[in-house]
C-alpha atoms as a PDB file:
ATOM      1  CA  MET A   1      25.021   4.134 -12.339  1.00  0.00           C
ATOM      2  CA  SER A   2      24.447   0.643 -13.709  1.00  0.00           C
ATOM      3  CA  HIS A   3      20.973  -0.643 -14.420  1.00  0.00           C
ATOM      4  CA  ALA A   4      19.391  -2.841 -11.729  1.00  0.00           C
ATOM      5  CA  ASN A   5      17.045  -5.365 -13.394  1.00  0.00           C
ATOM      6  CA  GLY A   6      16.424  -3.038 -16.326  1.00  0.00           C
ATOM      7  CA  TYR A   7      15.411  -0.005 -14.267  1.00  0.00           C
ATOM      8  CA  ALA A   8      16.732   3.389 -15.322  1.00  0.00           C
ATOM      9  CA  ASP A   9      18.191   4.129 -11.923  1.00  0.00           C
ATOM     10  CA  PHE A  10      18.569   2.401  -8.627  1.00  0.00           C
ATOM     11  CA  ALA A  11      16.394   4.907  -6.743  1.00  0.00           C
ATOM     12  CA  ARG A  12      13.361   4.045  -8.899  1.00  0.00           C
ATOM     13  CA  PHE A  13      14.033   0.360  -8.323  1.00  0.00           C
ATOM     14  CA  VAL A  14      14.105   0.913  -4.553  1.00  0.00           C
ATOM     15  CA  GLU A  15      10.873   2.951  -4.680  1.00  0.00           C
ATOM     16  CA  GLN A  16       9.068   0.260  -6.623  1.00  0.00           C
ATOM     17  CA  ALA A  17      10.414  -2.477  -4.363  1.00  0.00           C
ATOM     18  CA  ALA A  18       9.182  -0.598  -1.295  1.00  0.00           C
ATOM     19  CA  ALA A  19       5.768  -0.067  -2.923  1.00  0.00           C
ATOM     20  CA  ALA A  20       5.562  -3.758  -3.819  1.00  0.00           C
ATOM     21  CA  GLN A  21       6.463  -4.754  -0.279  1.00  0.00           C
ATOM     22  CA  ALA A  22       3.830  -2.395   1.175  1.00  0.00           C
ATOM     23  CA  LEU A  23       1.234  -3.820  -1.209  1.00  0.00           C
ATOM     24  CA  ALA A  24       2.124  -7.382  -0.247  1.00  0.00           C
ATOM     25  CA  TRP A  25       1.937  -6.534   3.468  1.00  0.00           C
ATOM     26  CA  ARG A  26      -1.524  -4.967   3.007  1.00  0.00           C
ATOM     27  CA  GLY A  27      -2.666  -8.146   1.287  1.00  0.00           C
ATOM     28  CA  MET A  28      -1.272 -10.279   4.109  1.00  0.00           C
ATOM     29  CA  GLU A  29      -2.989  -8.049   6.664  1.00  0.00           C
ATOM     30  CA  ARG A  30      -6.336  -8.500   4.929  1.00  0.00           C
ATOM     31  CA  VAL A  31      -5.823 -12.271   4.807  1.00  0.00           C
ATOM     32  CA  ALA A  32      -4.978 -12.341   8.521  1.00  0.00           C
ATOM     33  CA  ASP A  33      -8.132 -10.339   9.266  1.00  0.00           C
ATOM     34  CA  LEU A  34     -10.237 -12.828   7.297  1.00  0.00           C
ATOM     35  CA  HIS A  35      -8.634 -15.739   9.171  1.00  0.00           C
ATOM     36  CA  LEU A  36      -9.292 -14.092  12.516  1.00  0.00           C
ATOM     37  CA  GLN A  37     -12.918 -13.360  11.618  1.00  0.00           C
ATOM     38  CA  ALA A  38     -13.458 -17.004  10.666  1.00  0.00           C
ATOM     39  CA  LEU A  39     -11.748 -18.180  13.848  1.00  0.00           C
ATOM     40  CA  GLU A  40     -13.885 -15.831  15.920  1.00  0.00           C
ATOM     41  CA  GLY A  41     -17.045 -17.223  14.314  1.00  0.00           C
ATOM     42  CA  HIS A  42     -15.952 -20.786  15.080  1.00  0.00           C
ATOM     43  CA  ALA A  43     -15.104 -19.882  18.680  1.00  0.00           C
ATOM     44  CA  ARG A  44     -18.467 -18.187  19.250  1.00  0.00           C
ATOM     45  CA  ALA A  45     -20.334 -21.168  17.841  1.00  0.00           C
ATOM     46  CA  ALA A  46     -18.342 -23.625  19.960  1.00  0.00           C
ATOM     47  CA  THR A  47     -18.788 -21.551  23.101  1.00  0.00           C
ATOM     48  CA  GLY A  48     -22.544 -21.340  22.606  1.00  0.00           C
ATOM     49  CA  LEU A  49     -22.771 -25.052  21.954  1.00  0.00           C
ATOM     50  CA  MET A  50     -20.788 -25.873  25.091  1.00  0.00           C
ATOM     51  CA  ALA A  51     -23.005 -23.567  27.156  1.00  0.00           C
ATOM     52  CA  ASP A  52     -26.069 -25.394  25.813  1.00  0.00           C
ATOM     53  CA  ALA A  53     -24.470 -28.761  26.586  1.00  0.00           C
ATOM     54  CA  MET A  54     -23.785 -27.780  30.172  1.00  0.00           C
ATOM     55  CA  SER A  55     -27.337 -26.596  30.691  1.00  0.00           C
ATOM     56  CA  ALA A  56     -28.998 -29.672  29.154  1.00  0.00           C
ATOM     57  CA  THR A  57     -30.854 -31.519  31.898  1.00  0.00           C
ATOM     58  CA  ASP A  58     -32.773 -34.273  30.109  1.00  0.00           C
ATOM     59  CA  ALA A  59     -32.669 -36.462  26.996  1.00  0.00           C
ATOM     60  CA  THR A  60     -34.810 -34.082  24.943  1.00  0.00           C
ATOM     61  CA  ALA A  61     -32.443 -31.211  25.649  1.00  0.00           C
ATOM     62  CA  MET A  62     -29.486 -33.446  24.720  1.00  0.00           C
ATOM     63  CA  ARG A  63     -31.127 -34.403  21.414  1.00  0.00           C
ATOM     64  CA  ALA A  64     -31.727 -30.728  20.632  1.00  0.00           C
ATOM     65  CA  TRP A  65     -28.122 -29.981  21.574  1.00  0.00           C
ATOM     66  CA  MET A  66     -26.840 -32.736  19.283  1.00  0.00           C
ATOM     67  CA  ALA A  67     -28.994 -31.479  16.395  1.00  0.00           C
ATOM     68  CA  ARG A  68     -27.721 -27.964  16.967  1.00  0.00           C
ATOM     69  CA  GLY A  69     -24.165 -29.319  16.927  1.00  0.00           C
ATOM     70  CA  GLY A  70     -24.753 -30.763  13.467  1.00  0.00           C
ATOM     71  CA  ASP A  71     -26.173 -27.457  12.250  1.00  0.00           C
ATOM     72  CA  LEU A  72     -23.215 -25.568  13.694  1.00  0.00           C
ATOM     73  CA  GLN A  73     -20.822 -27.978  11.999  1.00  0.00           C
ATOM     74  CA  ARG A  74     -22.503 -27.322   8.658  1.00  0.00           C
ATOM     75  CA  GLN A  75     -22.397 -23.562   9.270  1.00  0.00           C
ATOM     76  CA  GLY A  76     -18.724 -23.840  10.207  1.00  0.00           C
ATOM     77  CA  VAL A  77     -17.922 -25.520   6.905  1.00  0.00           C
ATOM     78  CA  GLU A  78     -19.868 -22.809   5.069  1.00  0.00           C
ATOM     79  CA  ARG A  79     -17.961 -20.114   6.984  1.00  0.00           C
ATOM     80  CA  ALA A  80     -14.643 -21.760   6.189  1.00  0.00           C
ATOM     81  CA  ALA A  81     -15.504 -22.063   2.496  1.00  0.00           C
ATOM     82  CA  SER A  82     -16.603 -18.432   2.387  1.00  0.00           C
ATOM     83  CA  ALA A  83     -13.407 -17.318   4.122  1.00  0.00           C
ATOM     84  CA  ALA A  84     -11.323 -19.377   1.683  1.00  0.00           C
ATOM     85  CA  GLY A  85     -13.076 -17.702  -1.243  1.00  0.00           C
ATOM     86  CA  ASP A  86     -12.510 -14.262   0.259  1.00  0.00           C
ATOM     87  CA  ILE A  87      -8.841 -15.071   0.863  1.00  0.00           C
ATOM     88  CA  PHE A  88      -8.480 -16.243  -2.728  1.00  0.00           C
ATOM     89  CA  ASP A  89     -10.061 -12.972  -3.912  1.00  0.00           C
ATOM     90  CA  VAL A  90      -7.564 -10.977  -1.835  1.00  0.00           C
ATOM     91  CA  ALA A  91      -4.685 -13.046  -3.229  1.00  0.00           C
ATOM     92  CA  VAL A  92      -5.833 -12.455  -6.811  1.00  0.00           C
ATOM     93  CA  GLU A  93      -6.339  -8.748  -6.149  1.00  0.00           C
ATOM     94  CA  THR A  94      -2.890  -8.444  -4.560  1.00  0.00           C
ATOM     95  CA  ALA A  95      -1.216 -10.373  -7.378  1.00  0.00           C
ATOM     96  CA  THR A  96      -2.972  -8.233  -9.989  1.00  0.00           C
ATOM     97  CA  SER A  97      -1.870  -5.049  -8.216  1.00  0.00           C
ATOM     98  CA  LEU A  98       1.699  -6.333  -7.953  1.00  0.00           C
ATOM     99  CA  GLY A  99       1.665  -7.207 -11.637  1.00  0.00           C
ATOM    100  CA  ALA A 100       0.424  -3.746 -12.541  1.00  0.00           C
ATOM    101  CA  LEU A 101       3.036  -2.186 -10.276  1.00  0.00           C
ATOM    102  CA  ALA A 102       5.822  -4.212 -11.823  1.00  0.00           C
ATOM    103  CA  GLY A 103       4.676  -3.546 -15.387  1.00  0.00           C
ATOM    104  CA  GLN A 104       7.484  -2.963 -17.802  1.00  0.00           C
ATOM    105  CA  PRO A 105      10.571  -1.317 -16.325  1.00  0.00           C
ATOM    106  CA  ALA A 106      11.485   2.072 -17.723  1.00  0.00           C
ATOM    107  CA  ARG A 107      14.549   2.006 -19.973  1.00  0.00           C
ATOM    108  CA  ALA A 108      17.054   4.805 -20.299  1.00  0.00           C
END
C-alpha cells in the first residue's frame, strides 16, 4: 500500500487522524464550557442588578444600585479576561498535545 503523508500504512494514519480529531473536540468542549460559565456569571449578575433596580424605591436606593452596576461591570470585565486567559491555556494545551501526537511519522 502506498504511503499516506509519510505514514507506514494507511491504518496508522487513520488511527492518528481519529485521535487528533478526538483531541481537538475535547479542546473545543472545554472552551465551550468556559464560555458558558462566563455567560452564566454575566447573566446572574445582570439578573441580580435588575432585581435590585426594580425594588429601588427612593434616590438613595437608586444611587446604591448605580454604584453596584459599576462594580458589576468591573467584575464582568475581570470575568471575561479570566475566561479569555483560561481559553488561551486550553488552546495552547490542545495545540501542544496535537503537536506531540503528530510528532514524526513512522517510516517503513
